[in-house]
PDB file of N, CA and C in Angstrom:
ATOM      1  N   MET A   1     182.176 101.894 107.814  1.00  0.00           N
ATOM      2  CA  MET A   1     182.024 103.141 108.510  1.00  0.00           C
ATOM      3  C   MET A   1     181.694 102.887 109.982  1.00  0.00           C
ATOM      4  N   ILE A   2     180.783 101.912 110.223  1.00  0.00           N
ATOM      5  CA  ILE A   2     180.428 101.598 111.605  1.00  0.00           C
ATOM      6  C   ILE A   2     181.641 101.022 112.323  1.00  0.00           C
ATOM      7  N   ARG A   3     182.449 100.212 111.639  1.00  0.00           N
ATOM      8  CA  ARG A   3     183.637  99.637 112.261  1.00  0.00           C
ATOM      9  C   ARG A   3     184.638 100.728 112.634  1.00  0.00           C
ATOM     10  N   GLN A   4     184.772 101.661 111.717  1.00  0.00           N
ATOM     11  CA  GLN A   4     185.716 102.747 112.021  1.00  0.00           C
ATOM     12  C   GLN A   4     185.238 103.542 113.224  1.00  0.00           C
ATOM     13  N   MET A   5     183.911 103.823 113.290  1.00  0.00           N
ATOM     14  CA  MET A   5     183.377 104.578 114.423  1.00  0.00           C
ATOM     15  C   MET A   5     183.507 103.768 115.700  1.00  0.00           C
ATOM     16  N   THR A   6     183.308 102.443 115.604  1.00  0.00           N
ATOM     17  CA  THR A   6     183.423 101.600 116.790  1.00  0.00           C
ATOM     18  C   THR A   6     184.866 101.607 117.300  1.00  0.00           C
ATOM     19  N   ILE A   7     185.813 101.610 116.389  1.00  0.00           N
ATOM     20  CA  ILE A   7     187.220 101.645 116.796  1.00  0.00           C
ATOM     21  C   ILE A   7     187.528 102.983 117.445  1.00  0.00           C
ATOM     22  N   GLN A   8     187.015 104.064 116.873  1.00  0.00           N
ATOM     23  CA  GLN A   8     187.300 105.387 117.424  1.00  0.00           C
ATOM     24  C   GLN A   8     186.529 105.619 118.713  1.00  0.00           C
ATOM     25  N   CYS A   9     185.225 105.253 118.693  1.00  0.00           N
ATOM     26  CA  CYS A   9     184.405 105.482 119.896  1.00  0.00           C
ATOM     27  C   CYS A   9     183.405 104.339 119.960  1.00  0.00           C
ATOM     28  N   ALA A  10     183.516 103.512 120.978  1.00  0.00           N
ATOM     29  CA  ALA A  10     182.684 102.327 121.118  1.00  0.00           C
ATOM     30  C   ALA A  10     181.206 102.693 121.270  1.00  0.00           C
ATOM     31  N   GLU A  11     180.916 103.747 121.986  1.00  0.00           N
ATOM     32  CA  GLU A  11     179.519 104.140 122.210  1.00  0.00           C
ATOM     33  C   GLU A  11     178.862 104.588 120.913  1.00  0.00           C
ATOM     34  N   ARG A  12     179.590 105.398 120.131  1.00  0.00           N
ATOM     35  CA  ARG A  12     179.036 105.836 118.846  1.00  0.00           C
ATOM     36  C   ARG A  12     178.855 104.633 117.921  1.00  0.00           C
ATOM     37  N   GLY A  13     179.779 103.719 117.931  1.00  0.00           N
ATOM     38  CA  GLY A  13     179.688 102.524 117.100  1.00  0.00           C
ATOM     39  C   GLY A  13     178.470 101.691 117.457  1.00  0.00           C
ATOM     40  N   LEU A  14     178.231 101.511 118.761  1.00  0.00           N
ATOM     41  CA  LEU A  14     177.041 100.758 119.191  1.00  0.00           C
ATOM     42  C   LEU A  14     175.756 101.487 118.806  1.00  0.00           C
ATOM     43  N   LEU A  15     175.786 102.819 118.944  1.00  0.00           N
ATOM     44  CA  LEU A  15     174.612 103.617 118.571  1.00  0.00           C
ATOM     45  C   LEU A  15     174.346 103.495 117.076  1.00  0.00           C
ATOM     46  N   LEU A  16     175.394 103.605 116.259  1.00  0.00           N
ATOM     47  CA  LEU A  16     175.223 103.453 114.813  1.00  0.00           C
ATOM     48  C   LEU A  16     174.753 102.033 114.468  1.00  0.00           C
ATOM     49  N   LEU A  17     175.271 101.038 115.183  1.00  0.00           N
ATOM     50  CA  LEU A  17     174.838  99.663 114.964  1.00  0.00           C
ATOM     51  C   LEU A  17     173.347  99.506 115.267  1.00  0.00           C
ATOM     52  N   ARG A  18     172.907 100.084 116.374  1.00  0.00           N
ATOM     53  CA  ARG A  18     171.468 100.040 116.719  1.00  0.00           C
ATOM     54  C   ARG A  18     170.630 100.757 115.657  1.00  0.00           C
ATOM     55  N   VAL A  19     171.115 101.933 115.211  1.00  0.00           N
ATOM     56  CA  VAL A  19     170.380 102.687 114.180  1.00  0.00           C
ATOM     57  C   VAL A  19     170.290 101.857 112.903  1.00  0.00           C
ATOM     58  N   ARG A  20     171.443 101.226 112.509  1.00  0.00           N
ATOM     59  CA  ARG A  20     171.438 100.400 111.301  1.00  0.00           C
ATOM     60  C   ARG A  20     170.464  99.239 111.447  1.00  0.00           C
ATOM     61  N   ASN A  21     170.476  98.573 112.566  1.00  0.00           N
ATOM     62  CA  ASN A  21     169.559  97.448 112.794  1.00  0.00           C
ATOM     63  C   ASN A  21     168.101  97.915 112.780  1.00  0.00           C
ATOM     64  N   GLU A  22     167.830  99.058 113.378  1.00  0.00           N
ATOM     65  CA  GLU A  22     166.464  99.610 113.400  1.00  0.00           C
ATOM     66  C   GLU A  22     166.014  99.969 111.986  1.00  0.00           C
ATOM     67  N   VAL A  23     166.909 100.602 111.212  1.00  0.00           N
ATOM     68  CA  VAL A  23     166.574 100.951 109.825  1.00  0.00           C
ATOM     69  C   VAL A  23     166.331  99.685 109.018  1.00  0.00           C
ATOM     70  N   MET A  24     167.161  98.674 109.202  1.00  0.00           N
ATOM     71  CA  MET A  24     166.983  97.428 108.456  1.00  0.00           C
ATOM     72  C   MET A  24     165.666  96.737 108.829  1.00  0.00           C
ATOM     73  N   SER A  25     165.313  96.744 110.121  1.00  0.00           N
ATOM     74  CA  SER A  25     164.044  96.123 110.519  1.00  0.00           C
ATOM     75  C   SER A  25     162.865  96.943 109.998  1.00  0.00           C
ATOM     76  N   THR A  26     163.001  98.281 109.982  1.00  0.00           N
ATOM     77  CA  THR A  26     161.931  99.126 109.434  1.00  0.00           C
ATOM     78  C   THR A  26     161.765  98.863 107.943  1.00  0.00           C
ATOM     79  N   VAL A  27     162.872  98.786 107.215  1.00  0.00           N
ATOM     80  CA  VAL A  27     162.812  98.504 105.777  1.00  0.00           C
ATOM     81  C   VAL A  27     162.199  97.127 105.539  1.00  0.00           C
ATOM     82  N   ALA A  28     162.592  96.151 106.329  1.00  0.00           N
ATOM     83  CA  ALA A  28     162.029  94.801 106.175  1.00  0.00           C
ATOM     84  C   ALA A  28     160.524  94.814 106.446  1.00  0.00           C
ATOM     85  N   ALA A  29     160.114  95.558 107.488  1.00  0.00           N
ATOM     86  CA  ALA A  29     158.682  95.647 107.794  1.00  0.00           C
ATOM     87  C   ALA A  29     157.939  96.331 106.657  1.00  0.00           C
ATOM     88  N   LEU A  30     158.521  97.406 106.116  1.00  0.00           N
ATOM     89  CA  LEU A  30     157.873  98.112 105.006  1.00  0.00           C
ATOM     90  C   LEU A  30     157.801  97.235 103.764  1.00  0.00           C
ATOM     91  N   GLN A  31     158.850  96.456 103.504  1.00  0.00           N
ATOM     92  CA  GLN A  31     158.817  95.533 102.370  1.00  0.00           C
ATOM     93  C   GLN A  31     157.735  94.472 102.566  1.00  0.00           C
ATOM     94  N   SER A  32     157.605  93.998 103.781  1.00  0.00           N
ATOM     95  CA  SER A  32     156.572  93.003 104.079  1.00  0.00           C
ATOM     96  C   SER A  32     155.182  93.605 103.890  1.00  0.00           C
ATOM     97  N   ILE A  33     155.007  94.829 104.391  1.00  0.00           N
ATOM     98  CA  ILE A  33     153.708  95.510 104.225  1.00  0.00           C
ATOM     99  C   ILE A  33     153.420  95.736 102.746  1.00  0.00           C
ATOM    100  N   TYR A  34     154.434  96.169 101.996  1.00  0.00           N
ATOM    101  CA  TYR A  34     154.264  96.399 100.567  1.00  0.00           C
ATOM    102  C   TYR A  34     153.876  95.102  99.857  1.00  0.00           C
ATOM    103  N   ALA A  35     154.573  94.020 100.180  1.00  0.00           N
ATOM    104  CA  ALA A  35     154.291  92.732  99.540  1.00  0.00           C
ATOM    105  C   ALA A  35     152.876  92.265  99.865  1.00  0.00           C
ATOM    106  N   SER A  36     152.471  92.404 101.136  1.00  0.00           N
ATOM    107  CA  SER A  36     151.112  91.975 101.488  1.00  0.00           C
ATOM    108  C   SER A  36     150.080  92.890 100.830  1.00  0.00           C
ATOM    109  N   GLY A  37     150.417  94.177 100.673  1.00  0.00           N
ATOM    110  CA  GLY A  37     149.506  95.095  99.975  1.00  0.00           C
ATOM    111  C   GLY A  37     149.348  94.723  98.518  1.00  0.00           C
ATOM    112  N   VAL A  38     150.449  94.336  97.887  1.00  0.00           N
ATOM    113  CA  VAL A  38     150.383  93.907  96.489  1.00  0.00           C
ATOM    114  C   VAL A  38     149.543  92.646  96.367  1.00  0.00           C
ATOM    115  N   VAL A  39     149.758  91.693  97.261  1.00  0.00           N
ATOM    116  CA  VAL A  39     148.975  90.452  97.240  1.00  0.00           C
ATOM    117  C   VAL A  39     147.497  90.762  97.468  1.00  0.00           C
ATOM    118  N   PHE A  40     147.211  91.638  98.436  1.00  0.00           N
ATOM    119  CA  PHE A  40     145.823  92.002  98.719  1.00  0.00           C
ATOM    120  C   PHE A  40     145.188  92.664  97.495  1.00  0.00           C
ATOM    121  N   GLY A  41     145.935  93.576  96.863  1.00  0.00           N
ATOM    122  CA  GLY A  41     145.422  94.241  95.664  1.00  0.00           C
ATOM    123  C   GLY A  41     145.134  93.257  94.545  1.00  0.00           C
ATOM    124  N   LEU A  42     146.032  92.304  94.348  1.00  0.00           N
ATOM    125  CA  LEU A  42     145.813  91.291  93.316  1.00  0.00           C
ATOM    126  C   LEU A  42     144.598  90.428  93.637  1.00  0.00           C
ATOM    127  N   GLN A  43     144.453  90.058  94.905  1.00  0.00           N
ATOM    128  CA  GLN A  43     143.292  89.251  95.302  1.00  0.00           C
ATOM    129  C   GLN A  43     141.999  90.016  95.046  1.00  0.00           C
ATOM    130  N   LYS A  44     142.005  91.305  95.412  1.00  0.00           N
ATOM    131  CA  LYS A  44     140.796  92.110  95.187  1.00  0.00           C
ATOM    132  C   LYS A  44     140.507  92.245  93.698  1.00  0.00           C
ATOM    133  N   CYS A  45     141.551  92.434  92.907  1.00  0.00           N
ATOM    134  CA  CYS A  45     141.382  92.553  91.459  1.00  0.00           C
ATOM    135  C   CYS A  45     140.810  91.262  90.881  1.00  0.00           C
ATOM    136  N   LEU A  46     141.347  90.129  91.309  1.00  0.00           N
ATOM    137  CA  LEU A  46     140.842  88.835  90.836  1.00  0.00           C
ATOM    138  C   LEU A  46     139.408  88.600  91.292  1.00  0.00           C
ATOM    139  N   ALA A  47     139.119  89.000  92.525  1.00  0.00           N
ATOM    140  CA  ALA A  47     137.749  88.835  93.037  1.00  0.00           C
ATOM    141  C   ALA A  47     136.780  89.695  92.234  1.00  0.00           C
ATOM    142  N   ARG A  48     137.188  90.931  91.915  1.00  0.00           N
ATOM    143  CA  ARG A  48     136.321  91.801  91.111  1.00  0.00           C
ATOM    144  C   ARG A  48     136.103  91.220  89.727  1.00  0.00           C
ATOM    145  N   GLU A  49     137.157  90.674  89.152  1.00  0.00           N
ATOM    146  CA  GLU A  49     137.048  90.076  87.825  1.00  0.00           C
ATOM    147  C   GLU A  49     136.105  88.870  87.853  1.00  0.00           C
ATOM    148  N   ALA A  50     136.256  88.041  88.872  1.00  0.00           N
ATOM    149  CA  ALA A  50     135.371  86.876  89.002  1.00  0.00           C
ATOM    150  C   ALA A  50     133.933  87.326  89.226  1.00  0.00           C
ATOM    151  N   ASN A  51     133.756  88.340  90.055  1.00  0.00           N
ATOM    152  CA  ASN A  51     132.416  88.858  90.324  1.00  0.00           C
ATOM    153  C   ASN A  51     131.815  89.453  89.051  1.00  0.00           C
ATOM    154  N   ARG A  52     132.640  90.130  88.265  1.00  0.00           N
ATOM    155  CA  ARG A  52     132.146  90.718  87.028  1.00  0.00           C
ATOM    156  C   ARG A  52     131.717  89.623  86.061  1.00  0.00           C
ATOM    157  N   CYS A  53     132.498  88.559  85.963  1.00  0.00           N
ATOM    158  CA  CYS A  53     132.125  87.436  85.094  1.00  0.00           C
ATOM    159  C   CYS A  53     130.813  86.811  85.564  1.00  0.00           C
ATOM    160  N   TRP A  54     130.676  86.637  86.873  1.00  0.00           N
ATOM    161  CA  TRP A  54     129.435  86.073  87.422  1.00  0.00           C
ATOM    162  C   TRP A  54     128.265  86.994  87.121  1.00  0.00           C
ATOM    163  N   GLN A  55     128.483  88.297  87.289  1.00  0.00           N
ATOM    164  CA  GLN A  55     127.414  89.257  87.022  1.00  0.00           C
ATOM    165  C   GLN A  55     127.038  89.259  85.546  1.00  0.00           C
ATOM    166  N   ASP A  56     128.030  89.148  84.662  1.00  0.00           N
ATOM    167  CA  ASP A  56     127.732  89.089  83.232  1.00  0.00           C
ATOM    168  C   ASP A  56     126.880  87.871  82.899  1.00  0.00           C
ATOM    169  N   SER A  57     127.237  86.724  83.464  1.00  0.00           N
ATOM    170  CA  SER A  57     126.443  85.521  83.196  1.00  0.00           C
ATOM    171  C   SER A  57     125.048  85.651  83.798  1.00  0.00           C
ATOM    172  N   ARG A  58     124.959  86.255  84.971  1.00  0.00           N
ATOM    173  CA  ARG A  58     123.651  86.464  85.612  1.00  0.00           C
ATOM    174  C   ARG A  58     122.794  87.412  84.774  1.00  0.00           C
ATOM    175  N   ILE A  59     123.419  88.450  84.225  1.00  0.00           N
ATOM    176  CA  ILE A  59     122.687  89.391  83.369  1.00  0.00           C
ATOM    177  C   ILE A  59     122.138  88.664  82.150  1.00  0.00           C
ATOM    178  N   GLN A  60     122.959  87.835  81.520  1.00  0.00           N
ATOM    179  CA  GLN A  60     122.493  87.079  80.358  1.00  0.00           C
ATOM    180  C   GLN A  60     121.353  86.140  80.733  1.00  0.00           C
ATOM    181  N   GLN A  61     121.470  85.508  81.879  1.00  0.00           N
ATOM    182  CA  GLN A  61     120.413  84.602  82.343  1.00  0.00           C
ATOM    183  C   GLN A  61     119.115  85.375  82.556  1.00  0.00           C
ATOM    184  N   LEU A  62     119.207  86.528  83.217  1.00  0.00           N
ATOM    185  CA  LEU A  62     118.006  87.315  83.496  1.00  0.00           C
ATOM    186  C   LEU A  62     117.403  87.873  82.211  1.00  0.00           C
ATOM    187  N   GLU A  63     118.244  88.265  81.259  1.00  0.00           N
ATOM    188  CA  GLU A  63     117.717  88.742  79.981  1.00  0.00           C
ATOM    189  C   GLU A  63     116.986  87.621  79.256  1.00  0.00           C
ATOM    190  N   GLY A  64     117.510  86.403  79.338  1.00  0.00           N
ATOM    191  CA  GLY A  64     116.816  85.252  78.753  1.00  0.00           C
ATOM    192  C   GLY A  64     115.466  85.022  79.416  1.00  0.00           C
ATOM    193  N   GLU A  65     115.439  85.147  80.736  1.00  0.00           N
ATOM    194  CA  GLU A  65     114.170  84.998  81.462  1.00  0.00           C
ATOM    195  C   GLU A  65     113.185  86.083  81.049  1.00  0.00           C
ATOM    196  N   ILE A  66     113.681  87.305  80.844  1.00  0.00           N
ATOM    197  CA  ILE A  66     112.809  88.404  80.420  1.00  0.00           C
ATOM    198  C   ILE A  66     112.181  88.076  79.075  1.00  0.00           C
ATOM    199  N   VAL A  67     112.990  87.567  78.140  1.00  0.00           N
ATOM    200  CA  VAL A  67     112.470  87.209  76.819  1.00  0.00           C
ATOM    201  C   VAL A  67     111.398  86.129  76.957  1.00  0.00           C
ATOM    202  N   GLN A  68     111.670  85.112  77.769  1.00  0.00           N
ATOM    203  CA  GLN A  68     110.688  84.037  77.963  1.00  0.00           C
ATOM    204  C   GLN A  68     109.404  84.565  78.592  1.00  0.00           C
ATOM    205  N   LEU A  69     109.546  85.438  79.586  1.00  0.00           N
ATOM    206  CA  LEU A  69     108.359  85.977  80.252  1.00  0.00           C
ATOM    207  C   LEU A  69     107.552  86.863  79.310  1.00  0.00           C
ATOM    208  N   ARG A  70     108.241  87.608  78.454  1.00  0.00           N
ATOM    209  CA  ARG A  70     107.506  88.437  77.481  1.00  0.00           C
ATOM    210  C   ARG A  70     106.735  87.560  76.507  1.00  0.00           C
ATOM    211  N   LYS A  71     107.346  86.455  76.074  1.00  0.00           N
ATOM    212  CA  LYS A  71     106.636  85.523  75.199  1.00  0.00           C
ATOM    213  C   LYS A  71     105.427  84.941  75.920  1.00  0.00           C
ATOM    214  N   LYS A  72     105.621  84.605  77.180  1.00  0.00           N
ATOM    215  CA  LYS A  72     104.517  84.046  77.970  1.00  0.00           C
ATOM    216  C   LYS A  72     103.401  85.072  78.121  1.00  0.00           C
ATOM    217  N   ILE A  73     103.769  86.335  78.329  1.00  0.00           N
ATOM    218  CA  ILE A  73     102.764  87.403  78.438  1.00  0.00           C
ATOM    219  C   ILE A  73     101.975  87.503  77.141  1.00  0.00           C
ATOM    220  N   GLN A  74     102.672  87.451  76.000  1.00  0.00           N
ATOM    221  CA  GLN A  74     101.979  87.522  74.717  1.00  0.00           C
ATOM    222  C   GLN A  74     101.034  86.339  74.538  1.00  0.00           C
ATOM    223  N   MET A  75     101.496  85.143  74.909  1.00  0.00           N
ATOM    224  CA  MET A  75     100.634  83.965  74.789  1.00  0.00           C
ATOM    225  C   MET A  75      99.409  84.096  75.685  1.00  0.00           C
ATOM    226  N   GLU A  76      99.623  84.570  76.908  1.00  0.00           N
ATOM    227  CA  GLU A  76      98.495  84.732  77.828  1.00  0.00           C
ATOM    228  C   GLU A  76      97.532  85.809  77.324  1.00  0.00           C
ATOM    229  N   ALA A  77      98.077  86.876  76.720  1.00  0.00           N
ATOM    230  CA  ALA A  77      97.211  87.918  76.161  1.00  0.00           C
ATOM    231  C   ALA A  77      96.357  87.333  75.038  1.00  0.00           C
ATOM    232  N   LEU A  78      96.958  86.482  74.198  1.00  0.00           N
ATOM    233  CA  LEU A  78      96.184  85.830  73.138  1.00  0.00           C
ATOM    234  C   LEU A  78      95.122  84.908  73.733  1.00  0.00           C
ATOM    235  N   ASN A  79      95.475  84.177  74.782  1.00  0.00           N
ATOM    236  CA  ASN A  79      94.493  83.303  75.443  1.00  0.00           C
ATOM    237  C   ASN A  79      93.348  84.117  76.019  1.00  0.00           C
ATOM    238  N   ILE A  80      93.686  85.257  76.614  1.00  0.00           N
ATOM    239  CA  ILE A  80      92.643  86.116  77.192  1.00  0.00           C
ATOM    240  C   ILE A  80      91.711  86.610  76.099  1.00  0.00           C
ATOM    241  N   ARG A  81      92.309  87.065  74.979  1.00  0.00           N
ATOM    242  CA  ARG A  81      91.465  87.543  73.873  1.00  0.00           C
ATOM    243  C   ARG A  81      90.560  86.425  73.362  1.00  0.00           C
ATOM    244  N   ALA A  82      91.108  85.219  73.228  1.00  0.00           N
ATOM    245  CA  ALA A  82      90.307  84.093  72.745  1.00  0.00           C
ATOM    246  C   ALA A  82      89.179  83.780  73.725  1.00  0.00           C
ATOM    247  N   LEU A  83      89.496  83.792  75.023  1.00  0.00           N
ATOM    248  CA  LEU A  83      88.455  83.532  76.025  1.00  0.00           C
ATOM    249  C   LEU A  83      87.396  84.629  76.022  1.00  0.00           C
ATOM    250  N   GLU A  84      87.829  85.883  75.886  1.00  0.00           N
ATOM    251  CA  GLU A  84      86.859  86.981  75.844  1.00  0.00           C
ATOM    252  C   GLU A  84      85.949  86.849  74.630  1.00  0.00           C
ATOM    253  N   GLU A  85      86.539  86.491  73.479  1.00  0.00           N
ATOM    254  CA  GLU A  85      85.737  86.324  72.269  1.00  0.00           C
ATOM    255  C   GLU A  85      84.769  85.150  72.424  1.00  0.00           C
ATOM    256  N   LYS A  86      85.266  84.056  72.990  1.00  0.00           N
ATOM    257  CA  LYS A  86      84.413  82.887  73.215  1.00  0.00           C
ATOM    258  C   LYS A  86      83.266  83.239  74.157  1.00  0.00           C
ATOM    259  N   GLU A  87      83.591  83.962  75.229  1.00  0.00           N
ATOM    260  CA  GLU A  87      82.560  84.349  76.195  1.00  0.00           C
ATOM    261  C   GLU A  87      81.557  85.313  75.567  1.00  0.00           C
ATOM    262  N   ALA A  88      82.051  86.237  74.737  1.00  0.00           N
ATOM    263  CA  ALA A  88      81.147  87.174  74.062  1.00  0.00           C
ATOM    264  C   ALA A  88      80.207  86.415  73.127  1.00  0.00           C
ATOM    265  N   ASN A  89      80.742  85.434  72.399  1.00  0.00           N
ATOM    266  CA  ASN A  89      79.892  84.626  71.511  1.00  0.00           C
ATOM    267  C   ASN A  89      78.872  83.825  72.308  1.00  0.00           C
ATOM    268  N   ARG A  90      79.320  83.245  73.433  1.00  0.00           N
ATOM    269  CA  ARG A  90      78.399  82.481  74.270  1.00  0.00           C
ATOM    270  C   ARG A  90      77.295  83.375  74.812  1.00  0.00           C
ATOM    271  N   LEU A  91      77.691  84.573  75.258  1.00  0.00           N
ATOM    272  CA  LEU A  91      76.711  85.515  75.792  1.00  0.00           C
ATOM    273  C   LEU A  91      75.738  85.963  74.704  1.00  0.00           C
ATOM    274  N   ALA A  92      76.260  86.207  73.495  1.00  0.00           N
ATOM    275  CA  ALA A  92      75.390  86.610  72.385  1.00  0.00           C
ATOM    276  C   ALA A  92      74.409  85.485  72.051  1.00  0.00           C
ATOM    277  N   ALA A  93      74.893  84.248  72.043  1.00  0.00           N
ATOM    278  CA  ALA A  93      74.003  83.113  71.753  1.00  0.00           C
ATOM    279  C   ALA A  93      72.954  82.969  72.848  1.00  0.00           C
ATOM    280  N   ALA A  94      73.359  83.115  74.105  1.00  0.00           N
ATOM    281  CA  ALA A  94      72.396  83.012  75.208  1.00  0.00           C
ATOM    282  C   ALA A  94      71.377  84.141  75.123  1.00  0.00           C
ATOM    283  N   THR A  95      71.823  85.328  74.782  1.00  0.00           N
ATOM    284  CA  THR A  95      70.901  86.465  74.643  1.00  0.00           C
ATOM    285  C   THR A  95      69.923  86.214  73.503  1.00  0.00           C
ATOM    286  N   ARG A  96      70.445  85.700  72.384  1.00  0.00           N
ATOM    287  CA  ARG A  96      69.585  85.402  71.240  1.00  0.00           C
ATOM    288  C   ARG A  96      68.544  84.345  71.614  1.00  0.00           C
ATOM    289  N   ARG A  97      68.984  83.289  72.323  1.00  0.00           N
ATOM    290  CA  ARG A  97      68.029  82.251  72.747  1.00  0.00           C
ATOM    291  C   ARG A  97      66.986  82.832  73.700  1.00  0.00           C
ATOM    292  N   ALA A  98      67.429  83.680  74.613  1.00  0.00           N
ATOM    293  CA  ALA A  98      66.489  84.277  75.561  1.00  0.00           C
ATOM    294  C   ALA A  98      65.485  85.158  74.828  1.00  0.00           C
ATOM    295  N   GLU A  99      65.967  85.923  73.843  1.00  0.00           N
ATOM    296  CA  GLU A  99      65.047  86.772  73.067  1.00  0.00           C
ATOM    297  C   GLU A  99      64.062  85.922  72.276  1.00  0.00           C
ATOM    298  N   GLU A 100      64.549  84.807  71.717  1.00  0.00           N
ATOM    299  CA  GLU A 100      63.652  83.903  70.991  1.00  0.00           C
ATOM    300  C   GLU A 100      62.623  83.302  71.942  1.00  0.00           C
ATOM    301  N   ASP A 101      63.068  82.915  73.142  1.00  0.00           N
ATOM    302  CA  ASP A 101      62.138  82.365  74.133  1.00  0.00           C
ATOM    303  C   ASP A 101      61.100  83.403  74.533  1.00  0.00           C
ATOM    304  N   VAL A 102      61.537  84.634  74.738  1.00  0.00           N
ATOM    305  CA  VAL A 102      60.605  85.703  75.112  1.00  0.00           C
ATOM    306  C   VAL A 102      59.613  85.940  73.982  1.00  0.00           C
ATOM    307  N   ALA A 103      60.113  85.957  72.738  1.00  0.00           N
ATOM    308  CA  ALA A 103      59.214  86.166  71.592  1.00  0.00           C
ATOM    309  C   ALA A 103      58.210  85.020  71.492  1.00  0.00           C
ATOM    310  N   PHE A 104      58.690  83.781  71.699  1.00  0.00           N
ATOM    311  CA  PHE A 104      57.789  82.633  71.654  1.00  0.00           C
ATOM    312  C   PHE A 104      56.734  82.731  72.748  1.00  0.00           C
ATOM    313  N   LEU A 105      57.172  83.076  73.966  1.00  0.00           N
ATOM    314  CA  LEU A 105      56.224  83.186  75.073  1.00  0.00           C
ATOM    315  C   LEU A 105      55.238  84.330  74.850  1.00  0.00           C
ATOM    316  N   ARG A 106      55.708  85.438  74.276  1.00  0.00           N
ATOM    317  CA  ARG A 106      54.784  86.553  73.980  1.00  0.00           C
ATOM    318  C   ARG A 106      53.745  86.127  72.943  1.00  0.00           C
ATOM    319  N   LYS A 107      54.220  85.403  71.931  1.00  0.00           N
ATOM    320  CA  LYS A 107      53.295  84.945  70.898  1.00  0.00           C
ATOM    321  C   LYS A 107      52.250  84.017  71.517  1.00  0.00           C
ATOM    322  N   GLY A 108      52.739  83.089  72.368  1.00  0.00           N
ATOM    323  CA  GLY A 108      51.806  82.188  73.050  1.00  0.00           C
ATOM    324  C   GLY A 108      50.868  82.963  73.957  1.00  0.00           C
ATOM    325  N   HIS A 109      51.410  83.972  74.658  1.00  0.00           N
ATOM    326  CA  HIS A 109      50.594  84.800  75.539  1.00  0.00           C
ATOM    327  C   HIS A 109      49.528  85.535  74.731  1.00  0.00           C
ATOM    328  N   ASP A 110      49.950  86.102  73.605  1.00  0.00           N
ATOM    329  CA  ASP A 110      48.993  86.833  72.763  1.00  0.00           C
ATOM    330  C   ASP A 110      47.916  85.894  72.223  1.00  0.00           C
ATOM    331  N   GLN A 111      48.304  84.675  71.839  1.00  0.00           N
ATOM    332  CA  GLN A 111      47.317  83.717  71.337  1.00  0.00           C
ATOM    333  C   GLN A 111      46.337  83.325  72.435  1.00  0.00           C
ATOM    334  N   LEU A 112      46.878  83.052  73.632  1.00  0.00           N
ATOM    335  CA  LEU A 112      45.998  82.681  74.738  1.00  0.00           C
ATOM    336  C   LEU A 112      45.088  83.844  75.120  1.00  0.00           C
ATOM    337  N   LYS A 113      45.627  85.052  75.064  1.00  0.00           N
ATOM    338  CA  LYS A 113      44.825  86.234  75.387  1.00  0.00           C
ATOM    339  C   LYS A 113      43.701  86.396  74.359  1.00  0.00           C
ATOM    340  N   ALA A 114      44.036  86.168  73.096  1.00  0.00           N
ATOM    341  CA  ALA A 114      43.021  86.274  72.044  1.00  0.00           C
ATOM    342  C   ALA A 114      41.952  85.202  72.234  1.00  0.00           C
ATOM    343  N   GLN A 115      42.366  83.987  72.576  1.00  0.00           N
ATOM    344  CA  GLN A 115      41.399  82.919  72.806  1.00  0.00           C
ATOM    345  C   GLN A 115      40.514  83.240  74.002  1.00  0.00           C
ATOM    346  N   LEU A 116      41.124  83.780  75.059  1.00  0.00           N
ATOM    347  CA  LEU A 116      40.359  84.135  76.247  1.00  0.00           C
ATOM    348  C   LEU A 116      39.349  85.229  75.920  1.00  0.00           C
ATOM    349  N   GLU A 117      39.781  86.211  75.141  1.00  0.00           N
ATOM    350  CA  GLU A 117      38.857  87.285  74.754  1.00  0.00           C
ATOM    351  C   GLU A 117      37.718  86.735  73.902  1.00  0.00           C
ATOM    352  N   ASP A 118      38.019  85.793  73.012  1.00  0.00           N
ATOM    353  CA  ASP A 118      36.967  85.177  72.198  1.00  0.00           C
ATOM    354  C   ASP A 118      35.965  84.443  73.088  1.00  0.00           C
ATOM    355  N   ILE A 119      36.495  83.714  74.069  1.00  0.00           N
ATOM    356  CA  ILE A 119      35.618  82.975  74.981  1.00  0.00           C
ATOM    357  C   ILE A 119      34.768  83.946  75.781  1.00  0.00           C
ATOM    358  N   LEU A 120      35.392  85.011  76.284  1.00  0.00           N
ATOM    359  CA  LEU A 120      34.642  85.998  77.059  1.00  0.00           C
ATOM    360  C   LEU A 120      33.603  86.698  76.190  1.00  0.00           C
ATOM    361  N   ASN A 121      33.961  86.976  74.963  1.00  0.00           N
ATOM    362  CA  ASN A 121      33.013  87.620  74.051  1.00  0.00           C
ATOM    363  C   ASN A 121      31.844  86.686  73.747  1.00  0.00           C
ATOM    364  N   GLN A 122      32.105  85.392  73.676  1.00  0.00           N
ATOM    365  CA  GLN A 122      31.032  84.444  73.426  1.00  0.00           C
ATOM    366  C   GLN A 122      30.064  84.434  74.601  1.00  0.00           C
ATOM    367  N   PHE A 123      30.595  84.555  75.824  1.00  0.00           N
ATOM    368  CA  PHE A 123      29.717  84.594  76.986  1.00  0.00           C
ATOM    369  C   PHE A 123      28.908  85.872  77.018  1.00  0.00           C
ATOM    370  N   LYS A 124      29.525  86.949  76.566  1.00  0.00           N
ATOM    371  CA  LYS A 124      28.804  88.222  76.556  1.00  0.00           C
ATOM    372  C   LYS A 124      27.710  88.192  75.499  1.00  0.00           C
ATOM    373  N   VAL A 125      28.003  87.607  74.377  1.00  0.00           N
ATOM    374  CA  VAL A 125      27.051  87.582  73.289  1.00  0.00           C
ATOM    375  C   VAL A 125      25.953  86.557  73.570  1.00  0.00           C
ATOM    376  N   ALA A 126      26.266  85.482  74.172  1.00  0.00           N
ATOM    377  CA  ALA A 126      25.300  84.426  74.438  1.00  0.00           C
ATOM    378  C   ALA A 126      24.280  84.929  75.452  1.00  0.00           C
ATOM    379  N   PRO A 127      23.028  84.577  75.218  1.00  0.00           N
ATOM    380  CA  PRO A 127      22.001  85.015  76.150  1.00  0.00           C
ATOM    381  C   PRO A 127      22.146  84.295  77.481  1.00  0.00           C
ATOM    382  N   ASN A 128      21.847  85.018  78.474  1.00  0.00           N
ATOM    383  CA  ASN A 128      21.945  84.446  79.820  1.00  0.00           C
ATOM    384  C   ASN A 128      20.837  83.421  79.972  1.00  0.00           C
ATOM    385  N   GLY A 129      21.185  82.360  80.276  1.00  0.00           N
ATOM    386  CA  GLY A 129      20.106  81.472  80.311  1.00  0.00           C
ATOM    387  C   GLY A 129      20.057  80.434  81.221  1.00  0.00           C
TER     388      GLY A 129
END
């Protein structure tokens, strides 16, 4: 068709040739853009898939850490209870010893007071002399 137009009218033929070349370059550019868009889309899809796999493994790792930390919390809670019980027993024993010491000292105090009163009473009863 372009050849026929060129034979009939050289200017129209050149114009059609330019239009054809422009359309072909536009189509080639669009095909190139489409191809690069497809490649970009595939790269993004692969990157998302890789990221998702990494995130899945990270989630499993963190869940494992959570389980370990919960076990550690339970162990520490048991240690705390044991220490509290040990401290309560120690405090009870110290309190009992202190009460026994106080009772012993009171008994000694009462005995000494009784002896002192006996001595004082002997001086009161004894004639001044």
